[in-house]
Amino acid sequence: MPSPLDKTRKRHNSNKAGMLAAARRLFGEYRFQDTTTRMIAKEEPSWR
């Protein structure tokens, strides 16, 4: 049975999927410790 996170990842147009994708990109660029929620929100405008 797919987890709620797996279901979200399959819905590419959802806000949560966009937020997760933006977070993943920023974690790769700035590392997890240096990434803020404001940075993620700025990267993914639909989350605001």
N, C-alpha and C. Protein backbone atom coordinates (compact mmCIF):
# COMPACT_ATOMS: atom_id res chain seq x y z
N MET A 1 0.84 -1.18 0.00
CA MET A 1 0.00 0.00 0.00
C MET A 1 0.90 1.25 0.00
N PRO A 2 0.65 2.18 -0.92
CA PRO A 2 1.49 3.39 -0.97
C PRO A 2 1.26 4.29 0.25
N SER A 3 2.33 4.91 0.68
CA SER A 3 2.24 5.83 1.82
C SER A 3 1.64 7.16 1.37
N PRO A 4 1.19 8.00 2.29
CA PRO A 4 0.68 9.32 1.92
C PRO A 4 1.72 10.15 1.15
N LEU A 5 3.00 10.00 1.52
CA LEU A 5 4.05 10.73 0.81
C LEU A 5 4.17 10.26 -0.63
N ASP A 6 4.08 8.95 -0.86
CA ASP A 6 4.14 8.42 -2.22
C ASP A 6 2.97 8.93 -3.06
N LYS A 7 1.79 8.99 -2.45
CA LYS A 7 0.62 9.52 -3.17
C LYS A 7 0.82 10.98 -3.55
N THR A 8 1.41 11.76 -2.66
CA THR A 8 1.66 13.17 -2.93
C THR A 8 2.65 13.34 -4.06
N ARG A 9 3.69 12.54 -4.06
CA ARG A 9 4.71 12.63 -5.11
C ARG A 9 4.12 12.34 -6.48
N LYS A 10 3.12 11.47 -6.54
CA LYS A 10 2.51 11.13 -7.83
C LYS A 10 1.65 12.27 -8.36
N ARG A 11 1.10 13.11 -7.48
CA ARG A 11 0.29 14.25 -7.90
C ARG A 11 1.22 15.44 -8.11
N HIS A 12 1.76 15.58 -9.30
CA HIS A 12 2.77 16.61 -9.58
C HIS A 12 2.23 18.03 -9.45
N ASN A 13 0.94 18.20 -9.58
CA ASN A 13 0.38 19.55 -9.53
C ASN A 13 -0.04 19.97 -8.13
N SER A 14 0.18 19.13 -7.12
CA SER A 14 -0.24 19.51 -5.77
C SER A 14 0.76 20.48 -5.14
N ASN A 15 0.28 21.29 -4.22
CA ASN A 15 1.15 22.24 -3.52
C ASN A 15 2.23 21.52 -2.73
N LYS A 16 1.84 20.44 -2.09
CA LYS A 16 2.81 19.71 -1.27
C LYS A 16 3.92 19.11 -2.14
N ALA A 17 3.56 18.59 -3.30
CA ALA A 17 4.56 18.03 -4.21
C ALA A 17 5.53 19.12 -4.67
N GLY A 18 5.01 20.31 -4.96
CA GLY A 18 5.86 21.43 -5.36
C GLY A 18 6.78 21.86 -4.24
N MET A 19 6.25 21.88 -3.02
CA MET A 19 7.05 22.26 -1.86
C MET A 19 8.17 21.24 -1.64
N LEU A 20 7.85 19.96 -1.74
CA LEU A 20 8.86 18.92 -1.56
C LEU A 20 9.95 18.99 -2.63
N ALA A 21 9.55 19.26 -3.87
CA ALA A 21 10.52 19.37 -4.95
C ALA A 21 11.45 20.57 -4.72
N ALA A 22 10.87 21.70 -4.31
CA ALA A 22 11.68 22.88 -4.03
C ALA A 22 12.64 22.62 -2.87
N ALA A 23 12.15 21.96 -1.83
CA ALA A 23 13.00 21.65 -0.68
C ALA A 23 14.14 20.74 -1.10
N ARG A 24 13.85 19.75 -1.90
CA ARG A 24 14.89 18.83 -2.36
C ARG A 24 15.98 19.56 -3.14
N ARG A 25 15.56 20.48 -4.03
CA ARG A 25 16.55 21.26 -4.80
C ARG A 25 17.42 22.10 -3.87
N LEU A 26 16.79 22.78 -2.93
CA LEU A 26 17.53 23.64 -2.02
C LEU A 26 18.43 22.86 -1.07
N PHE A 27 17.98 21.70 -0.61
CA PHE A 27 18.82 20.87 0.25
C PHE A 27 20.08 20.45 -0.49
N GLY A 28 19.95 20.18 -1.78
CA GLY A 28 21.12 19.82 -2.59
C GLY A 28 22.09 20.97 -2.75
N GLU A 29 21.54 22.17 -2.85
CA GLU A 29 22.37 23.35 -3.06
C GLU A 29 22.95 23.91 -1.76
N TYR A 30 22.14 23.99 -0.71
CA TYR A 30 22.56 24.66 0.53
C TYR A 30 22.71 23.72 1.73
N ARG A 31 22.46 22.44 1.56
CA ARG A 31 22.45 21.45 2.65
C ARG A 31 21.22 21.64 3.51
N PHE A 32 20.83 20.58 4.17
CA PHE A 32 19.62 20.60 4.99
C PHE A 32 19.71 21.64 6.11
N GLN A 33 20.85 21.68 6.79
CA GLN A 33 21.01 22.56 7.94
C GLN A 33 20.93 24.04 7.58
N ASP A 34 21.31 24.38 6.36
CA ASP A 34 21.36 25.78 5.95
C ASP A 34 20.14 26.23 5.16
N THR A 35 19.18 25.36 4.95
CA THR A 35 17.97 25.70 4.19
C THR A 35 16.87 26.10 5.17
N THR A 36 16.24 27.24 4.90
CA THR A 36 15.16 27.73 5.75
C THR A 36 13.81 27.52 5.06
N THR A 37 12.75 27.56 5.84
CA THR A 37 11.42 27.44 5.26
C THR A 37 11.10 28.65 4.38
N ARG A 38 11.67 29.80 4.71
CA ARG A 38 11.47 30.99 3.85
C ARG A 38 12.08 30.78 2.48
N MET A 39 13.23 30.14 2.43
CA MET A 39 13.88 29.86 1.14
C MET A 39 13.00 28.93 0.31
N ILE A 40 12.42 27.92 0.96
CA ILE A 40 11.56 26.98 0.26
C ILE A 40 10.30 27.70 -0.24
N ALA A 41 9.71 28.53 0.59
CA ALA A 41 8.51 29.28 0.20
C ALA A 41 8.80 30.23 -0.97
N LYS A 42 9.96 30.82 -0.96
CA LYS A 42 10.33 31.75 -2.04
C LYS A 42 10.52 30.98 -3.35
N GLU A 43 11.06 29.78 -3.25
CA GLU A 43 11.30 28.93 -4.43
C GLU A 43 9.99 28.38 -5.00
N GLU A 44 9.03 28.09 -4.12
CA GLU A 44 7.76 27.50 -4.53
C GLU A 44 6.61 28.44 -4.17
N PRO A 45 6.23 29.37 -5.05
CA PRO A 45 5.22 30.38 -4.74
C PRO A 45 3.84 29.82 -4.44
N SER A 46 3.49 28.66 -4.92
CA SER A 46 2.15 28.13 -4.66
C SER A 46 1.97 27.71 -3.22
N TRP A 47 3.05 27.64 -2.45
CA TRP A 47 2.97 27.23 -1.06
C TRP A 47 2.51 28.36 -0.15
N ARG A 48 2.65 29.59 -0.57
CA ARG A 48 2.29 30.75 0.26
C ARG A 48 0.82 30.86 0.50
